[in-house]
């Protein structure tokens, strides 16, 4: 539950303090709604880390 709420907080409240704490537990986050670059969304992983700065433009 903590991990889901950390992802929710970075998207809805734009708070990244919880996400920074648990982000190492994820291999990949797929943002299906962010279609700025690809039709299928954006993949966030070790090569493309999910940060608040990256998603601010998609919100």
C-alpha atoms as a PDB file:
ATOM      1  CA  UNK A   1       0.000   0.000   0.000  1.00  0.00           C
ATOM      2  CA  UNK A   2       2.823   2.411   0.756  1.00  0.00           C
ATOM      3  CA  UNK A   3       4.298   1.932  -2.700  1.00  0.00           C
ATOM      4  CA  UNK A   4       0.990   2.590  -4.479  1.00  0.00           C
ATOM      5  CA  UNK A   5       0.423   5.739  -2.487  1.00  0.00           C
ATOM      6  CA  UNK A   6       3.960   6.927  -3.283  1.00  0.00           C
ATOM      7  CA  UNK A   7       3.237   6.660  -7.005  1.00  0.00           C
ATOM      8  CA  UNK A   8      -0.133   8.338  -6.508  1.00  0.00           C
ATOM      9  CA  UNK A   9       1.433  11.217  -4.583  1.00  0.00           C
ATOM     10  CA  UNK A  10       3.987  12.013  -7.265  1.00  0.00           C
ATOM     11  CA  UNK A  11       1.250  12.219  -9.911  1.00  0.00           C
ATOM     12  CA  UNK A  12      -1.636  13.779  -7.984  1.00  0.00           C
ATOM     13  CA  UNK A  13       0.009  15.921  -5.311  1.00  0.00           C
ATOM     14  CA  UNK A  14       3.379  16.422  -7.018  1.00  0.00           C
ATOM     15  CA  UNK A  15       5.197  15.222  -3.892  1.00  0.00           C
ATOM     16  CA  UNK A  16       8.256  13.124  -4.568  1.00  0.00           C
ATOM     17  CA  UNK A  17       9.613  12.520  -1.047  1.00  0.00           C
ATOM     18  CA  UNK A  18       7.813   9.173  -0.673  1.00  0.00           C
ATOM     19  CA  UNK A  19       8.632   8.125  -4.229  1.00  0.00           C
ATOM     20  CA  UNK A  20      12.349   8.745  -3.658  1.00  0.00           C
ATOM     21  CA  UNK A  21      12.169   6.444  -0.652  1.00  0.00           C
ATOM     22  CA  UNK A  22      10.603   3.459  -2.511  1.00  0.00           C
ATOM     23  CA  UNK A  23      11.682   3.914  -6.134  1.00  0.00           C
ATOM     24  CA  UNK A  24      14.408   1.233  -5.920  1.00  0.00           C
ATOM     25  CA  UNK A  25      11.677  -1.384  -5.393  1.00  0.00           C
ATOM     26  CA  UNK A  26      10.343  -0.842  -8.939  1.00  0.00           C
ATOM     27  CA  UNK A  27      11.778  -2.187 -12.159  1.00  0.00           C
ATOM     28  CA  UNK A  28       9.410  -0.357 -14.471  1.00  0.00           C
ATOM     29  CA  UNK A  29       6.559   2.131 -14.284  1.00  0.00           C
ATOM     30  CA  UNK A  30       4.417   2.501 -17.399  1.00  0.00           C
ATOM     31  CA  UNK A  31       2.530   5.759 -17.812  1.00  0.00           C
ATOM     32  CA  UNK A  32      -0.106   4.889 -20.414  1.00  0.00           C
ATOM     33  CA  UNK A  33      -1.630   8.370 -20.349  1.00  0.00           C
ATOM     34  CA  UNK A  34       1.559  10.275 -21.219  1.00  0.00           C
ATOM     35  CA  UNK A  35       1.572  10.083 -25.006  1.00  0.00           C
ATOM     36  CA  UNK A  36       3.881  13.016 -25.664  1.00  0.00           C
ATOM     37  CA  UNK A  37       6.617  10.773 -27.105  1.00  0.00           C
ATOM     38  CA  UNK A  38       4.986   7.453 -28.056  1.00  0.00           C
ATOM     39  CA  UNK A  39       1.423   6.288 -28.723  1.00  0.00           C
ATOM     40  CA  UNK A  40       1.700   3.585 -26.064  1.00  0.00           C
ATOM     41  CA  UNK A  41       2.888   5.894 -23.278  1.00  0.00           C
ATOM     42  CA  UNK A  42       6.187   6.290 -21.452  1.00  0.00           C
ATOM     43  CA  UNK A  43       8.243   3.631 -19.694  1.00  0.00           C
ATOM     44  CA  UNK A  44      10.197   4.660 -16.627  1.00  0.00           C
ATOM     45  CA  UNK A  45      12.973   2.303 -15.513  1.00  0.00           C
ATOM     46  CA  UNK A  46      16.691   2.332 -14.612  1.00  0.00           C
ATOM     47  CA  UNK A  47      17.570   4.074 -17.875  1.00  0.00           C
ATOM     48  CA  UNK A  48      14.740   6.606 -17.672  1.00  0.00           C
ATOM     49  CA  UNK A  49      14.033   7.339 -14.009  1.00  0.00           C
ATOM     50  CA  UNK A  50      10.645   8.685 -12.979  1.00  0.00           C
ATOM     51  CA  UNK A  51      11.108  12.163 -11.561  1.00  0.00           C
ATOM     52  CA  UNK A  52       8.690  14.927 -10.745  1.00  0.00           C
ATOM     53  CA  UNK A  53      10.354  17.208 -13.289  1.00  0.00           C
ATOM     54  CA  UNK A  54       9.753  14.704 -16.109  1.00  0.00           C
ATOM     55  CA  UNK A  55       6.042  14.290 -15.432  1.00  0.00           C
ATOM     56  CA  UNK A  56       5.175  17.923 -14.670  1.00  0.00           C
ATOM     57  CA  UNK A  57       4.622  18.701 -18.346  1.00  0.00           C
ATOM     58  CA  UNK A  58       2.271  15.751 -18.764  1.00  0.00           C
ATOM     59  CA  UNK A  59       0.001  16.691 -15.855  1.00  0.00           C
END
